[in-house]
Amino acid sequence: MISEDGYVPKRGDIVYINFNPTKGHEQKGSRPAFVVSPYSYNVRTSLALFMPITRQQKGYPFEVVLPLQLQTQGVILVDQIKCLDWQARKVDFKETVPEDVVEEVQAKIEPLIL
């Protein structure tokens, strides 16, 4: 499935997406997010795995700091991964992170899920 503008999220993209509804300490509202799932999954299901990005760096072990050369600033919250319908939530592409950021995210998520 492909969005009206032809965009399909892919691993390493930063997009804007609405995380609502949420509960408790979950990140909420429309915000930047990191796409962690691969294109092949995202295009077939219209779902994708997203990690919210916040400007409030707290030094938690599951934060990944975005490089200064990116337009989007802040940290990726690796431990707040969510599966969302990117078509229904009208995802908006912003930019793609360097490969070393993707690798750092993958290294930090592994202890959480394996």
Foldseek 3Di string as FASTA:
>chain_A
DAAPVRDWDAAQFKKWFAPPPDDDPADGGTAIWGWLHGRVVCVVPLKTKIFGFDQDDDPDPQWQFADPVFPDGGTTRLVRIDIDRCRVRVIGTDGGGDPVSSVVSVVSCVVVPD
